[in-house]
PDB file of N, CA and C in Angstrom:
ATOM      1  N   UNK A   1      -0.947 -27.169  -4.028  1.00  0.00           N
ATOM      2  CA  UNK A   1      -0.068 -26.334  -3.207  1.00  0.00           C
ATOM      3  C   UNK A   1       0.369 -25.410  -3.394  1.00  0.00           C
ATOM      4  N   UNK A   2       1.512 -25.586  -4.529  1.00  0.00           N
ATOM      5  CA  UNK A   2       2.758 -24.169  -5.064  1.00  0.00           C
ATOM      6  C   UNK A   2       1.752 -23.546  -5.628  1.00  0.00           C
ATOM      7  N   UNK A   3       0.979 -23.885  -6.200  1.00  0.00           N
ATOM      8  CA  UNK A   3      -0.091 -23.312  -7.413  1.00  0.00           C
ATOM      9  C   UNK A   3      -0.713 -21.976  -6.759  1.00  0.00           C
ATOM     10  N   UNK A   4      -1.514 -22.217  -5.280  1.00  0.00           N
ATOM     11  CA  UNK A   4      -2.310 -21.986  -4.593  1.00  0.00           C
ATOM     12  C   UNK A   4      -1.450 -20.675  -3.652  1.00  0.00           C
ATOM     13  N   UNK A   5      -0.623 -20.744  -3.527  1.00  0.00           N
ATOM     14  CA  UNK A   5       0.867 -19.589  -2.846  1.00  0.00           C
ATOM     15  C   UNK A   5       0.669 -18.949  -3.952  1.00  0.00           C
ATOM     16  N   UNK A   6       1.215 -19.449  -5.300  1.00  0.00           N
ATOM     17  CA  UNK A   6       1.489 -18.866  -6.873  1.00  0.00           C
ATOM     18  C   UNK A   6       0.369 -17.681  -6.986  1.00  0.00           C
ATOM     19  N   UNK A   7      -0.397 -17.954  -6.943  1.00  0.00           N
ATOM     20  CA  UNK A   7      -2.080 -17.401  -7.317  1.00  0.00           C
ATOM     21  C   UNK A   7      -2.312 -16.314  -6.055  1.00  0.00           C
ATOM     22  N   UNK A   8      -1.726 -16.711  -4.966  1.00  0.00           N
ATOM     23  CA  UNK A   8      -2.318 -15.802  -3.970  1.00  0.00           C
ATOM     24  C   UNK A   8      -1.482 -14.655  -4.075  1.00  0.00           C
ATOM     25  N   UNK A   9      -0.062 -15.365  -4.581  1.00  0.00           N
ATOM     26  CA  UNK A   9       1.288 -13.821  -4.346  1.00  0.00           C
ATOM     27  C   UNK A   9       0.491 -12.919  -5.343  1.00  0.00           C
ATOM     28  N   UNK A  10       0.161 -14.153  -6.705  1.00  0.00           N
ATOM     29  CA  UNK A  10       0.061 -12.942  -8.194  1.00  0.00           C
ATOM     30  C   UNK A  10      -1.628 -11.860  -7.687  1.00  0.00           C
ATOM     31  N   UNK A  11      -2.166 -12.372  -6.949  1.00  0.00           N
ATOM     32  CA  UNK A  11      -3.398 -11.734  -6.698  1.00  0.00           C
ATOM     33  C   UNK A  11      -3.195 -10.949  -5.307  1.00  0.00           C
ATOM     34  N   UNK A  12      -2.278 -10.699  -4.918  1.00  0.00           N
ATOM     35  CA  UNK A  12      -1.872 -10.007  -3.760  1.00  0.00           C
ATOM     36  C   UNK A  12      -0.979  -8.062  -4.014  1.00  0.00           C
ATOM     37  N   UNK A  13      -1.696  -7.561  -3.945  1.00  0.00           N
ATOM     38  CA  UNK A  13      -0.828  -6.039  -4.110  1.00  0.00           C
ATOM     39  C   UNK A  13       0.615  -5.784  -3.812  1.00  0.00           C
ATOM     40  N   UNK A  14       1.137  -4.948  -4.678  1.00  0.00           N
ATOM     41  CA  UNK A  14       3.061  -4.885  -4.547  1.00  0.00           C
ATOM     42  C   UNK A  14       3.300  -4.662  -2.850  1.00  0.00           C
ATOM     43  N   UNK A  15       4.580  -5.345  -2.292  1.00  0.00           N
ATOM     44  CA  UNK A  15       4.554  -5.083  -0.740  1.00  0.00           C
ATOM     45  C   UNK A  15       4.546  -2.954  -0.575  1.00  0.00           C
ATOM     46  N   UNK A  16       4.281  -3.267   0.642  1.00  0.00           N
ATOM     47  CA  UNK A  16       4.044  -1.458   0.794  1.00  0.00           C
ATOM     48  C   UNK A  16       2.929  -0.543   0.290  1.00  0.00           C
ATOM     49  N   UNK A  17       2.249  -1.520  -0.328  1.00  0.00           N
ATOM     50  CA  UNK A  17       0.316  -0.972  -0.910  1.00  0.00           C
ATOM     51  C   UNK A  17      -0.226  -1.574  -0.329  1.00  0.00           C
ATOM     52  N   UNK A  18      -1.709  -0.993  -0.584  1.00  0.00           N
ATOM     53  CA  UNK A  18      -2.662  -1.745  -0.488  1.00  0.00           C
ATOM     54  C   UNK A  18      -4.020  -1.338  -1.307  1.00  0.00           C
ATOM     55  N   UNK A  19      -5.279  -2.252  -1.153  1.00  0.00           N
ATOM     56  CA  UNK A  19      -6.103  -1.672  -1.780  1.00  0.00           C
ATOM     57  C   UNK A  19      -7.520  -1.121  -1.123  1.00  0.00           C
ATOM     58  N   UNK A  20      -7.934  -0.395  -1.631  1.00  0.00           N
ATOM     59  CA  UNK A  20      -8.810   0.651  -0.590  1.00  0.00           C
ATOM     60  C   UNK A  20     -10.552   0.024  -1.589  1.00  0.00           C
ATOM     61  N   UNK A  21     -10.891  -0.546  -0.396  1.00  0.00           N
ATOM     62  CA  UNK A  21     -12.381  -1.242  -0.894  1.00  0.00           C
ATOM     63  C   UNK A  21     -13.438  -0.413  -0.907  1.00  0.00           C
ATOM     64  N   UNK A  22     -14.580   0.124  -1.670  1.00  0.00           N
ATOM     65  CA  UNK A  22     -15.842   0.569  -1.506  1.00  0.00           C
ATOM     66  C   UNK A  22     -16.081   1.427  -0.098  1.00  0.00           C
ATOM     67  N   UNK A  23     -16.352   1.119   0.671  1.00  0.00           N
ATOM     68  CA  UNK A  23     -16.288   1.687   1.777  1.00  0.00           C
ATOM     69  C   UNK A  23     -15.279   2.276   2.746  1.00  0.00           C
ATOM     70  N   UNK A  24     -14.167   1.679   2.604  1.00  0.00           N
ATOM     71  CA  UNK A  24     -13.197   2.646   3.009  1.00  0.00           C
ATOM     72  C   UNK A  24     -12.914   3.669   2.141  1.00  0.00           C
ATOM     73  N   UNK A  25     -12.654   3.655   0.859  1.00  0.00           N
ATOM     74  CA  UNK A  25     -12.295   4.584  -0.561  1.00  0.00           C
ATOM     75  C   UNK A  25     -13.295   5.435   0.065  1.00  0.00           C
ATOM     76  N   UNK A  26     -14.772   5.317   0.205  1.00  0.00           N
ATOM     77  CA  UNK A  26     -15.489   6.904   0.487  1.00  0.00           C
ATOM     78  C   UNK A  26     -15.271   7.459   1.684  1.00  0.00           C
ATOM     79  N   UNK A  27     -14.836   6.907   2.527  1.00  0.00           N
ATOM     80  CA  UNK A  27     -14.730   7.721   3.711  1.00  0.00           C
ATOM     81  C   UNK A  27     -13.326   8.414   3.709  1.00  0.00           C
ATOM     82  N   UNK A  28     -12.218   7.579   3.085  1.00  0.00           N
ATOM     83  CA  UNK A  28     -10.655   8.258   2.989  1.00  0.00           C
ATOM     84  C   UNK A  28     -11.424   9.715   2.181  1.00  0.00           C
ATOM     85  N   UNK A  29     -11.975   9.570   0.533  1.00  0.00           N
ATOM     86  CA  UNK A  29     -12.553  10.618  -0.201  1.00  0.00           C
ATOM     87  C   UNK A  29     -12.989  11.481   0.536  1.00  0.00           C
ATOM     88  N   UNK A  30     -14.172  11.501   1.600  1.00  0.00           N
ATOM     89  CA  UNK A  30     -14.588  12.508   2.745  1.00  0.00           C
ATOM     90  C   UNK A  30     -13.896  13.430   3.202  1.00  0.00           C
ATOM     91  N   UNK A  31     -12.997  11.971   3.748  1.00  0.00           N
ATOM     92  CA  UNK A  31     -11.746  12.938   4.513  1.00  0.00           C
ATOM     93  C   UNK A  31     -11.036  14.211   3.975  1.00  0.00           C
ATOM     94  N   UNK A  32     -10.428  13.356   2.764  1.00  0.00           N
ATOM     95  CA  UNK A  32      -9.777  14.360   1.946  1.00  0.00           C
ATOM     96  C   UNK A  32     -10.594  15.272   1.581  1.00  0.00           C
ATOM     97  N   UNK A  33     -11.385  15.580   1.267  1.00  0.00           N
ATOM     98  CA  UNK A  33     -12.584  16.591   0.663  1.00  0.00           C
ATOM     99  C   UNK A  33     -12.230  17.368   1.929  1.00  0.00           C
ATOM    100  N   UNK A  34     -12.505  17.372   3.233  1.00  0.00           N
ATOM    101  CA  UNK A  34     -12.928  17.953   4.437  1.00  0.00           C
ATOM    102  C   UNK A  34     -11.485  18.822   4.554  1.00  0.00           C
ATOM    103  N   UNK A  35     -10.539  18.108   4.348  1.00  0.00           N
ATOM    104  CA  UNK A  35      -8.642  18.875   4.692  1.00  0.00           C
ATOM    105  C   UNK A  35      -8.480  19.402   3.433  1.00  0.00           C
ATOM    106  N   UNK A  36      -8.631  19.565   2.292  1.00  0.00           N
ATOM    107  CA  UNK A  36      -8.575  20.419   1.154  1.00  0.00           C
ATOM    108  C   UNK A  36      -9.531  21.944   1.983  1.00  0.00           C
ATOM    109  N   UNK A  37     -10.827  21.569   2.002  1.00  0.00           N
ATOM    110  CA  UNK A  37     -12.081  22.739   2.326  1.00  0.00           C
ATOM    111  C   UNK A  37     -11.255  23.518   3.808  1.00  0.00           C
ATOM    112  N   UNK A  38     -10.538  23.090   4.357  1.00  0.00           N
ATOM    113  CA  UNK A  38      -9.971  23.304   5.482  1.00  0.00           C
ATOM    114  C   UNK A  38      -8.285  23.782   4.937  1.00  0.00           C
ATOM    115  N   UNK A  39      -7.791  23.541   3.991  1.00  0.00           N
ATOM    116  CA  UNK A  39      -6.522  24.102   3.421  1.00  0.00           C
ATOM    117  C   UNK A  39      -6.889  25.332   2.754  1.00  0.00           C
ATOM    118  N   UNK A  40      -8.285  24.859   2.148  1.00  0.00           N
ATOM    119  CA  UNK A  40      -8.570  26.378   1.294  1.00  0.00           C
ATOM    120  C   UNK A  40      -9.134  27.619   1.743  1.00  0.00           C
ATOM    121  N   UNK A  41      -9.852  27.328   2.843  1.00  0.00           N
ATOM    122  CA  UNK A  41     -10.435  28.051   3.641  1.00  0.00           C
ATOM    123  C   UNK A  41      -8.709  29.499   4.208  1.00  0.00           C
ATOM    124  N   UNK A  42      -7.573  28.439   4.278  1.00  0.00           N
ATOM    125  CA  UNK A  42      -6.587  29.365   4.906  1.00  0.00           C
ATOM    126  C   UNK A  42      -5.720  30.268   3.946  1.00  0.00           C
ATOM    127  N   UNK A  43      -5.941  30.065   2.998  1.00  0.00           N
ATOM    128  CA  UNK A  43      -5.233  30.336   1.562  1.00  0.00           C
ATOM    129  C   UNK A  43      -4.464  29.315   0.540  1.00  0.00           C
ATOM    130  N   UNK A  44      -4.348  28.284   1.309  1.00  0.00           N
ATOM    131  CA  UNK A  44      -3.816  27.387   0.311  1.00  0.00           C
ATOM    132  C   UNK A  44      -4.612  26.969  -0.841  1.00  0.00           C
ATOM    133  N   UNK A  45      -4.044  26.676  -1.570  1.00  0.00           N
ATOM    134  CA  UNK A  45      -4.249  26.249  -3.065  1.00  0.00           C
ATOM    135  C   UNK A  45      -3.878  25.096  -3.490  1.00  0.00           C
ATOM    136  N   UNK A  46      -4.352  24.262  -4.320  1.00  0.00           N
ATOM    137  CA  UNK A  46      -3.561  22.766  -4.723  1.00  0.00           C
ATOM    138  C   UNK A  46      -2.937  22.940  -5.712  1.00  0.00           C
ATOM    139  N   UNK A  47      -1.926  21.897  -5.518  1.00  0.00           N
ATOM    140  CA  UNK A  47      -1.057  21.629  -6.944  1.00  0.00           C
ATOM    141  C   UNK A  47      -1.061  19.995  -6.960  1.00  0.00           C
ATOM    142  N   UNK A  48      -0.731  19.667  -7.857  1.00  0.00           N
ATOM    143  CA  UNK A  48      -0.045  17.850  -8.386  1.00  0.00           C
ATOM    144  C   UNK A  48       1.409  17.864  -8.641  1.00  0.00           C
ATOM    145  N   UNK A  49       1.983  17.066  -8.081  1.00  0.00           N
ATOM    146  CA  UNK A  49       3.486  16.727  -8.847  1.00  0.00           C
ATOM    147  C   UNK A  49       3.302  15.124  -9.451  1.00  0.00           C
ATOM    148  N   UNK A  50       4.035  14.899 -10.360  1.00  0.00           N
ATOM    149  CA  UNK A  50       4.148  13.525 -11.174  1.00  0.00           C
ATOM    150  C   UNK A  50       4.378  12.388 -10.543  1.00  0.00           C
ATOM    151  N   UNK A  51       3.820  11.306 -10.166  1.00  0.00           N
ATOM    152  CA  UNK A  51       4.172  10.172  -9.122  1.00  0.00           C
ATOM    153  C   UNK A  51       5.561   9.976  -8.981  1.00  0.00           C
ATOM    154  N   UNK A  52       6.274  10.475 -10.111  1.00  0.00           N
ATOM    155  CA  UNK A  52       8.135   9.904 -10.541  1.00  0.00           C
ATOM    156  C   UNK A  52       8.794  11.466 -10.962  1.00  0.00           C
ATOM    157  N   UNK A  53       9.938  11.051 -10.244  1.00  0.00           N
ATOM    158  CA  UNK A  53      10.552  12.370 -10.566  1.00  0.00           C
ATOM    159  C   UNK A  53      12.270  11.326 -11.153  1.00  0.00           C
ATOM    160  N   UNK A  54      12.685  12.727 -11.576  1.00  0.00           N
ATOM    161  CA  UNK A  54      14.338  12.037 -12.021  1.00  0.00           C
ATOM    162  C   UNK A  54      14.992  11.785 -10.783  1.00  0.00           C
ATOM    163  N   UNK A  55      15.744  10.303 -11.180  1.00  0.00           N
ATOM    164  CA  UNK A  55      16.331   9.901  -9.746  1.00  0.00           C
ATOM    165  C   UNK A  55      17.662  10.520  -9.318  1.00  0.00           C
ATOM    166  N   UNK A  56      18.478  11.172 -10.000  1.00  0.00           N
ATOM    167  CA  UNK A  56      19.623  12.239  -9.675  1.00  0.00           C
ATOM    168  C   UNK A  56      18.592  13.494  -8.528  1.00  0.00           C
ATOM    169  N   UNK A  57      17.091  13.995  -8.621  1.00  0.00           N
ATOM    170  CA  UNK A  57      17.088  14.639  -8.408  1.00  0.00           C
ATOM    171  C   UNK A  57      16.467  14.233  -7.056  1.00  0.00           C
ATOM    172  N   UNK A  58      15.976  12.945  -6.969  1.00  0.00           N
ATOM    173  CA  UNK A  58      15.452  12.205  -5.321  1.00  0.00           C
ATOM    174  C   UNK A  58      16.588  11.755  -4.568  1.00  0.00           C
ATOM    175  N   UNK A  59      17.980  11.568  -5.436  1.00  0.00           N
ATOM    176  CA  UNK A  59      19.233  11.094  -4.698  1.00  0.00           C
ATOM    177  C   UNK A  59      19.597  12.433  -3.971  1.00  0.00           C
ATOM    178  N   UNK A  60      19.667  13.557  -4.779  1.00  0.00           N
ATOM    179  CA  UNK A  60      20.428  14.367  -4.574  1.00  0.00           C
ATOM    180  C   UNK A  60      20.431  15.056  -3.078  1.00  0.00           C
ATOM    181  N   UNK A  61      21.424  14.942  -2.223  1.00  0.00           N
ATOM    182  CA  UNK A  61      21.557  15.520  -1.110  1.00  0.00           C
ATOM    183  C   UNK A  61      20.753  14.974   0.188  1.00  0.00           C
ATOM    184  N   UNK A  62      20.136  13.919  -0.280  1.00  0.00           N
ATOM    185  CA  UNK A  62      19.125  13.206   0.819  1.00  0.00           C
ATOM    186  C   UNK A  62      19.615  12.839   2.164  1.00  0.00           C
ATOM    187  N   UNK A  63      18.971  13.317   3.435  1.00  0.00           N
ATOM    188  CA  UNK A  63      19.664  13.636   4.533  1.00  0.00           C
ATOM    189  C   UNK A  63      18.982  11.978   5.400  1.00  0.00           C
ATOM    190  N   UNK A  64      18.114  11.207   4.700  1.00  0.00           N
ATOM    191  CA  UNK A  64      17.828  10.321   5.530  1.00  0.00           C
ATOM    192  C   UNK A  64      19.001   8.595   4.870  1.00  0.00           C
ATOM    193  N   UNK A  65      19.608   9.045   4.671  1.00  0.00           N
ATOM    194  CA  UNK A  65      20.401   8.023   4.012  1.00  0.00           C
ATOM    195  C   UNK A  65      20.458   7.528   3.059  1.00  0.00           C
ATOM    196  N   UNK A  66      21.578   6.351   2.317  1.00  0.00           N
ATOM    197  CA  UNK A  66      21.222   5.467   1.139  1.00  0.00           C
ATOM    198  C   UNK A  66      19.997   4.852   1.105  1.00  0.00           C
ATOM    199  N   UNK A  67      19.576   4.164   2.773  1.00  0.00           N
ATOM    200  CA  UNK A  67      18.425   2.656   2.497  1.00  0.00           C
ATOM    201  C   UNK A  67      17.140   3.391   1.389  1.00  0.00           C
ATOM    202  N   UNK A  68      17.215   4.522   1.837  1.00  0.00           N
ATOM    203  CA  UNK A  68      15.620   4.895   1.123  1.00  0.00           C
ATOM    204  C   UNK A  68      15.672   4.320  -0.179  1.00  0.00           C
ATOM    205  N   UNK A  69      17.033   5.370  -1.068  1.00  0.00           N
ATOM    206  CA  UNK A  69      17.420   5.192  -2.268  1.00  0.00           C
ATOM    207  C   UNK A  69      16.847   3.824  -2.913  1.00  0.00           C
ATOM    208  N   UNK A  70      17.733   2.817  -1.910  1.00  0.00           N
ATOM    209  CA  UNK A  70      17.772   1.224  -2.121  1.00  0.00           C
ATOM    210  C   UNK A  70      16.391   0.439  -2.198  1.00  0.00           C
ATOM    211  N   UNK A  71      15.206   1.354  -1.680  1.00  0.00           N
ATOM    212  CA  UNK A  71      13.844   0.559  -1.680  1.00  0.00           C
ATOM    213  C   UNK A  71      13.022   1.484  -2.840  1.00  0.00           C
ATOM    214  N   UNK A  72      13.904   2.596  -3.396  1.00  0.00           N
ATOM    215  CA  UNK A  72      13.369   3.328  -4.270  1.00  0.00           C
ATOM    216  C   UNK A  72      12.810   2.648  -5.968  1.00  0.00           C
ATOM    217  N   UNK A  73      11.515   2.263  -6.280  1.00  0.00           N
ATOM    218  CA  UNK A  73      11.345   1.791  -7.534  1.00  0.00           C
ATOM    219  C   UNK A  73      12.129   2.751  -8.435  1.00  0.00           C
ATOM    220  N   UNK A  74      12.936   2.305  -9.151  1.00  0.00           N
ATOM    221  CA  UNK A  74      13.502   3.169 -10.393  1.00  0.00           C
ATOM    222  C   UNK A  74      13.377   2.470 -11.423  1.00  0.00           C
ATOM    223  N   UNK A  75      13.398   3.430 -12.663  1.00  0.00           N
ATOM    224  CA  UNK A  75      13.354   2.357 -14.449  1.00  0.00           C
ATOM    225  C   UNK A  75      13.500   3.677 -14.776  1.00  0.00           C
ATOM    226  N   UNK A  76      13.744   3.072 -16.091  1.00  0.00           N
ATOM    227  CA  UNK A  76      14.625   3.943 -17.631  1.00  0.00           C
ATOM    228  C   UNK A  76      13.347   4.526 -18.194  1.00  0.00           C
ATOM    229  N   UNK A  77      13.005   6.144 -18.527  1.00  0.00           N
ATOM    230  CA  UNK A  77      12.388   5.861 -19.893  1.00  0.00           C
ATOM    231  C   UNK A  77      12.868   5.826 -20.851  1.00  0.00           C
ATOM    232  N   UNK A  78      12.166   6.287 -22.402  1.00  0.00           N
ATOM    233  CA  UNK A  78      12.407   5.915 -23.448  1.00  0.00           C
ATOM    234  C   UNK A  78      13.834   6.334 -24.129  1.00  0.00           C
ATOM    235  N   UNK A  79      14.017   7.415 -23.495  1.00  0.00           N
ATOM    236  CA  UNK A  79      15.115   8.589 -23.558  1.00  0.00           C
ATOM    237  C   UNK A  79      16.331   7.716 -22.630  1.00  0.00           C
ATOM    238  N   UNK A  80      16.674   7.184 -21.897  1.00  0.00           N
ATOM    239  CA  UNK A  80      17.248   6.186 -21.340  1.00  0.00           C
ATOM    240  C   UNK A  80      17.231   6.785 -19.798  1.00  0.00           C
ATOM    241  N   UNK A  81      16.494   8.023 -19.317  1.00  0.00           N
ATOM    242  CA  UNK A  81      17.164   8.656 -18.641  1.00  0.00           C
ATOM    243  C   UNK A  81      16.228   8.108 -17.259  1.00  0.00           C
ATOM    244  N   UNK A  82      16.893   7.689 -16.107  1.00  0.00           N
ATOM    245  CA  UNK A  82      16.313   7.176 -15.023  1.00  0.00           C
ATOM    246  C   UNK A  82      15.746   8.149 -14.029  1.00  0.00           C
ATOM    247  N   UNK A  83      14.417   7.397 -13.644  1.00  0.00           N
ATOM    248  CA  UNK A  83      13.164   8.316 -12.966  1.00  0.00           C
ATOM    249  C   UNK A  83      13.132   7.405 -11.860  1.00  0.00           C
ATOM    250  N   UNK A  84      12.519   7.895 -10.540  1.00  0.00           N
ATOM    251  CA  UNK A  84      12.142   6.871  -9.629  1.00  0.00           C
ATOM    252  C   UNK A  84      10.961   7.531  -9.055  1.00  0.00           C
ATOM    253  N   UNK A  85      10.075   6.693  -8.514  1.00  0.00           N
ATOM    254  CA  UNK A  85       8.574   6.957  -8.123  1.00  0.00           C
ATOM    255  C   UNK A  85       9.096   7.855  -6.692  1.00  0.00           C
ATOM    256  N   UNK A  86       8.234   8.830  -6.640  1.00  0.00           N
ATOM    257  CA  UNK A  86       8.377   9.424  -5.389  1.00  0.00           C
ATOM    258  C   UNK A  86       8.185   9.185  -4.014  1.00  0.00           C
ATOM    259  N   UNK A  87       9.115   9.124  -3.153  1.00  0.00           N
ATOM    260  CA  UNK A  87       8.403   8.764  -1.296  1.00  0.00           C
ATOM    261  C   UNK A  87       7.885   9.381  -0.638  1.00  0.00           C
ATOM    262  N   UNK A  88       7.656  10.545  -0.794  1.00  0.00           N
ATOM    263  CA  UNK A  88       6.796  11.408  -0.145  1.00  0.00           C
ATOM    264  C   UNK A  88       6.913  12.937  -1.325  1.00  0.00           C
ATOM    265  N   UNK A  89       6.315  14.230  -0.460  1.00  0.00           N
ATOM    266  CA  UNK A  89       6.689  14.994  -1.585  1.00  0.00           C
ATOM    267  C   UNK A  89       7.071  16.481  -1.580  1.00  0.00           C
ATOM    268  N   UNK A  90       8.423  16.180  -0.486  1.00  0.00           N
ATOM    269  CA  UNK A  90       9.006  17.111   0.041  1.00  0.00           C
ATOM    270  C   UNK A  90      10.230  17.465  -1.075  1.00  0.00           C
ATOM    271  N   UNK A  91      10.534  16.040  -1.718  1.00  0.00           N
ATOM    272  CA  UNK A  91      11.609  16.702  -3.572  1.00  0.00           C
ATOM    273  C   UNK A  91      10.859  17.226  -4.012  1.00  0.00           C
ATOM    274  N   UNK A  92       9.347  16.560  -4.530  1.00  0.00           N
ATOM    275  CA  UNK A  92       8.614  17.458  -5.660  1.00  0.00           C
ATOM    276  C   UNK A  92       8.229  18.362  -5.427  1.00  0.00           C
ATOM    277  N   UNK A  93       7.870  18.876  -3.856  1.00  0.00           N
ATOM    278  CA  UNK A  93       7.300  20.314  -3.234  1.00  0.00           C
ATOM    279  C   UNK A  93       8.548  21.446  -3.742  1.00  0.00           C
ATOM    280  N   UNK A  94       9.514  20.937  -3.177  1.00  0.00           N
ATOM    281  CA  UNK A  94      10.887  21.390  -3.537  1.00  0.00           C
ATOM    282  C   UNK A  94      11.259  22.267  -4.897  1.00  0.00           C
ATOM    283  N   UNK A  95      10.857  21.254  -5.884  1.00  0.00           N
ATOM    284  CA  UNK A  95      11.195  21.724  -7.137  1.00  0.00           C
ATOM    285  C   UNK A  95      10.176  22.100  -7.977  1.00  0.00           C
ATOM    286  N   UNK A  96       9.382  22.042  -7.142  1.00  0.00           N
ATOM    287  CA  UNK A  96       7.724  22.846  -7.794  1.00  0.00           C
ATOM    288  C   UNK A  96       8.242  24.578  -7.446  1.00  0.00           C
ATOM    289  N   UNK A  97       8.408  24.984  -6.141  1.00  0.00           N
ATOM    290  CA  UNK A  97       8.575  26.164  -5.661  1.00  0.00           C
ATOM    291  C   UNK A  97      10.085  26.925  -6.724  1.00  0.00           C
ATOM    292  N   UNK A  98      10.916  26.098  -6.427  1.00  0.00           N
ATOM    293  CA  UNK A  98      12.538  26.300  -7.097  1.00  0.00           C
ATOM    294  C   UNK A  98      11.965  26.896  -8.561  1.00  0.00           C
ATOM    295  N   UNK A  99      11.159  26.331  -9.292  1.00  0.00           N
ATOM    296  CA  UNK A  99      10.853  26.170 -10.392  1.00  0.00           C
ATOM    297  C   UNK A  99       9.721  27.185 -10.622  1.00  0.00           C
ATOM    298  N   UNK A 100       8.973  27.564  -9.645  1.00  0.00           N
ATOM    299  CA  UNK A 100       8.088  28.678  -9.649  1.00  0.00           C
ATOM    300  C   UNK A 100       8.052  29.260  -8.183  1.00  0.00           C
ATOM    301  N   UNK A 101       8.869  30.936  -8.841  1.00  0.00           N
ATOM    302  CA  UNK A 101       9.429  31.495  -7.463  1.00  0.00           C
ATOM    303  C   UNK A 101       8.128  32.083  -6.403  1.00  0.00           C
ATOM    304  N   UNK A 102       6.974  32.354  -7.858  1.00  0.00           N
ATOM    305  CA  UNK A 102       5.606  33.404  -6.900  1.00  0.00           C
ATOM    306  C   UNK A 102       5.359  32.076  -6.243  1.00  0.00           C
ATOM    307  N   UNK A 103       5.416  31.215  -6.132  1.00  0.00           N
ATOM    308  CA  UNK A 103       4.725  30.238  -4.982  1.00  0.00           C
ATOM    309  C   UNK A 103       5.105  30.363  -3.488  1.00  0.00           C
ATOM    310  N   UNK A 104       6.548  30.773  -4.062  1.00  0.00           N
ATOM    311  CA  UNK A 104       7.204  30.893  -2.097  1.00  0.00           C
ATOM    312  C   UNK A 104       6.592  32.328  -1.514  1.00  0.00           C
TER     313      UNK A 104
END
């Protein structure tokens, strides 16, 4: 019983995540392509930001309270800088626009 529970836990994706199996993944990809095409028709161009940011950037002036920061996955890189997985695209988009004024 104990081993079954441990095996089930190890085979489950981490909390807050899920797997997308082929049928659902194909549907999601098709929807994503349609959305991208619609955005591009209206003059928007794609950008991509890293999945993680400097933690101090993620945590500075956050209006949603400290609760989300407690739930943010954080780690240190080899240079001992604290990084965190982004929880949405607000912070990365602001950082990109601030560092590339021609995009605004």
